[in-house]
Amino acid sequence: MASPQSSLQIEHAVDGSGVGVIDITLDQNGVAVAAPARHLQDGLVLHETVQIVKEILAAQVSNHLWTCPGGRWQVADVAYIPRVVGTGGAATIDVRVGSGVVAPASAVTQLGAALDLVGTADTIQRAALIATPTPIGPGDNVDIVISGTLTSVVGLFRVSLKRLG
């Protein structure tokens, strides 16, 4: 049985900018999700980001990485750093966005080209995003899709999400 949840919004701003708004979702165990306020610096709204970091190992399979708890987000940056170069041939990782009922392989790619998992050790790879990243809403997933042979692969993968609203 799913835990009942309630939502609380604390608003400090009265100008509609969203600056100073904190969204908190509570469940029976306490705070389930806390979305901190956007901040204002030099008259500009600084949007919050989420960093999703995952260790990639040779046994990694395509999977859901993150499910949006609320708000609107989009993929802002993707990077991978191989620690151990794979020896099984070509292997790649892709980032995709789909609804909660779509398998990762059927979701919409967010990268211009998948990242190479067997690249040069300790060298960061940054992905080029598609021209218009897909908005991510409540219940949508950010997924990873693995292809190729991951023999000996070890590395650190990071997806940055930017809050749109």
Protein backbone atom coordinates (compact mmCIF):
# COMPACT_ATOMS: atom_id res chain seq x y z
CA MET A 1 0.00 0.00 0.00
CA ALA A 2 1.40 3.38 -0.95
CA SER A 3 2.11 5.84 1.82
CA PRO A 4 -0.30 8.77 2.01
CA GLN A 5 1.41 12.03 1.12
CA SER A 6 0.62 15.65 1.72
CA SER A 7 2.23 18.70 0.23
CA LEU A 8 3.15 22.01 1.82
CA GLN A 9 4.23 25.16 0.04
CA ILE A 10 5.92 28.00 1.90
CA GLU A 11 6.01 31.24 -0.06
CA HIS A 12 8.07 34.28 0.86
CA ALA A 13 7.66 36.19 -2.41
CA VAL A 14 4.51 38.01 -3.39
CA ASP A 15 5.61 39.05 -6.87
CA GLY A 16 4.92 35.71 -8.59
CA SER A 17 8.62 35.13 -9.35
CA GLY A 18 8.79 31.92 -7.36
CA VAL A 19 11.79 33.28 -5.48
CA GLY A 20 11.60 32.09 -1.90
CA VAL A 21 9.06 29.31 -2.57
CA ILE A 22 9.80 25.99 -0.92
CA ASP A 23 7.79 22.87 -1.83
CA ILE A 24 7.88 20.01 0.67
CA THR A 25 6.19 16.63 0.22
CA LEU A 26 5.64 14.63 3.40
CA ASP A 27 4.80 10.97 3.87
CA GLN A 28 4.42 8.79 6.97
CA ASN A 29 8.22 8.71 7.42
CA GLY A 30 8.74 12.47 7.22
CA VAL A 31 10.05 14.57 4.35
CA ALA A 32 9.93 12.58 1.10
CA VAL A 33 10.86 15.41 -1.28
CA ALA A 34 12.05 18.93 -0.53
CA ALA A 35 12.41 21.34 -3.44
CA PRO A 36 14.42 24.32 -2.19
CA ALA A 37 13.57 27.84 -3.13
CA ARG A 38 14.87 29.53 -6.22
CA HIS A 39 17.25 32.30 -5.28
CA LEU A 40 17.65 35.80 -6.63
CA GLN A 41 21.11 37.14 -7.43
CA ASP A 42 21.72 40.46 -9.17
CA GLY A 43 18.07 40.55 -10.24
CA LEU A 44 18.25 37.10 -11.88
CA VAL A 45 16.44 33.97 -10.70
CA LEU A 46 18.90 31.13 -10.10
CA HIS A 47 17.13 27.86 -10.86
CA GLU A 48 17.80 24.81 -8.79
CA THR A 49 19.42 21.73 -10.24
CA VAL A 50 19.53 18.05 -9.36
CA GLN A 51 22.71 16.04 -9.84
CA ILE A 52 22.22 12.30 -10.38
CA VAL A 53 25.47 10.37 -10.06
CA LYS A 54 25.73 6.65 -10.79
CA GLU A 55 28.66 4.28 -10.82
CA ILE A 56 28.67 2.25 -14.03
CA LEU A 57 30.01 -1.31 -13.79
CA ALA A 58 30.33 -4.14 -16.31
CA ALA A 59 27.02 -5.69 -15.16
CA GLN A 60 25.01 -2.47 -15.71
CA VAL A 61 21.75 -2.77 -17.64
CA SER A 62 19.30 -0.20 -19.05
CA ASN A 63 17.13 1.12 -16.23
CA HIS A 64 15.14 4.00 -14.78
CA LEU A 65 17.48 6.49 -13.09
CA TRP A 66 15.11 9.11 -11.61
CA THR A 67 11.35 9.66 -11.38
CA CYS A 68 10.12 13.25 -11.23
CA PRO A 69 8.32 13.87 -7.91
CA GLY A 70 6.91 17.23 -9.01
CA GLY A 71 7.60 20.39 -10.96
CA ARG A 72 8.95 20.60 -14.49
CA TRP A 73 12.55 19.71 -15.26
CA GLN A 74 14.84 19.08 -18.23
CA VAL A 75 18.23 17.46 -18.79
CA ALA A 76 20.87 20.21 -18.61
CA ASP A 77 24.18 18.31 -18.77
CA VAL A 78 25.45 14.72 -19.07
CA ALA A 79 29.01 13.52 -18.42
CA TYR A 80 30.89 10.25 -18.01
CA ILE A 81 34.39 9.53 -16.70
CA PRO A 82 35.74 6.04 -17.44
CA ARG A 83 37.95 4.76 -14.61
CA VAL A 84 38.68 1.37 -16.16
CA VAL A 85 38.50 1.17 -19.94
CA GLY A 86 36.27 -1.65 -21.16
CA THR A 87 37.80 -4.52 -23.12
CA GLY A 88 34.73 -6.09 -24.70
CA GLY A 89 34.39 -3.80 -27.69
CA ALA A 90 32.07 -0.86 -28.27
CA ALA A 91 29.72 0.11 -25.44
CA THR A 92 27.63 3.26 -25.01
CA ILE A 93 25.22 4.92 -22.58
CA ASP A 94 22.29 7.11 -23.58
CA VAL A 95 19.96 9.30 -21.48
CA ARG A 96 16.26 9.15 -22.31
CA VAL A 97 13.06 10.66 -20.93
CA GLY A 98 9.72 8.84 -20.89
CA SER A 99 6.45 8.60 -19.05
CA GLY A 100 6.23 6.29 -16.05
CA VAL A 101 4.85 3.45 -18.20
CA VAL A 102 7.47 3.48 -20.97
CA ALA A 103 10.47 1.11 -21.03
CA PRO A 104 13.84 2.94 -21.11
CA ALA A 105 14.62 1.76 -24.65
CA SER A 106 11.32 3.28 -25.91
CA ALA A 107 11.81 6.68 -24.25
CA VAL A 108 13.00 9.84 -26.06
CA THR A 109 16.76 10.31 -26.30
CA GLN A 110 18.18 13.54 -24.85
CA LEU A 111 21.66 13.21 -26.37
CA GLY A 112 22.89 14.07 -29.85
CA ALA A 113 24.99 10.88 -29.60
CA ALA A 114 25.41 8.29 -26.86
CA LEU A 115 28.55 8.49 -24.71
CA ASP A 116 31.36 5.96 -25.18
CA LEU A 117 31.81 3.76 -22.09
CA VAL A 118 35.18 2.44 -23.26
CA GLY A 119 36.88 5.81 -23.79
CA THR A 120 40.18 7.00 -22.34
CA ALA A 121 40.54 6.33 -18.60
CA ASP A 122 40.14 9.32 -16.28
CA THR A 123 39.07 11.62 -19.13
CA ILE A 124 35.71 13.33 -18.78
CA GLN A 125 33.30 13.08 -21.71
CA ARG A 126 30.49 15.61 -22.00
CA ALA A 127 27.48 14.81 -24.14
CA ALA A 128 25.91 17.17 -26.64
CA LEU A 129 22.19 17.49 -25.87
CA ILE A 130 19.43 17.48 -28.46
CA ALA A 131 18.32 20.97 -29.57
CA THR A 132 15.16 20.96 -27.43
CA PRO A 133 15.41 18.64 -24.41
CA THR A 134 12.13 17.00 -23.43
CA PRO A 135 10.35 18.60 -20.44
CA ILE A 136 10.09 16.18 -17.51
CA GLY A 137 6.90 16.34 -15.44
CA PRO A 138 5.53 14.51 -12.39
CA GLY A 139 5.75 10.74 -12.88
CA ASP A 140 8.10 10.97 -15.88
CA ASN A 141 11.37 9.04 -15.78
CA VAL A 142 14.95 9.84 -16.66
CA ASP A 143 16.39 6.59 -17.96
CA ILE A 144 19.73 5.19 -19.04
CA VAL A 145 20.05 2.88 -22.03
CA ILE A 146 23.15 0.73 -22.28
CA SER A 147 24.26 -0.89 -25.52
CA GLY A 148 27.25 -2.98 -26.53
CA THR A 149 29.54 -5.17 -24.42
CA LEU A 150 30.56 -3.73 -21.05
CA THR A 151 33.40 -6.14 -20.22
CA SER A 152 35.64 -4.54 -17.53
CA VAL A 153 33.79 -1.17 -17.70
CA VAL A 154 34.04 0.95 -14.54
CA GLY A 155 33.20 4.65 -14.49
CA LEU A 156 31.18 7.48 -13.01
CA PHE A 157 28.13 8.80 -14.85
CA ARG A 158 26.36 12.10 -14.07
CA VAL A 159 23.12 13.67 -15.27
CA SER A 160 22.27 17.25 -14.28
CA LEU A 161 18.63 18.31 -14.36
CA LYS A 162 17.46 21.91 -14.37
CA ARG A 163 14.14 22.91 -12.84
CA LEU A 164 11.89 24.74 -15.29
CA GLY A 165 9.07 25.43 -12.87
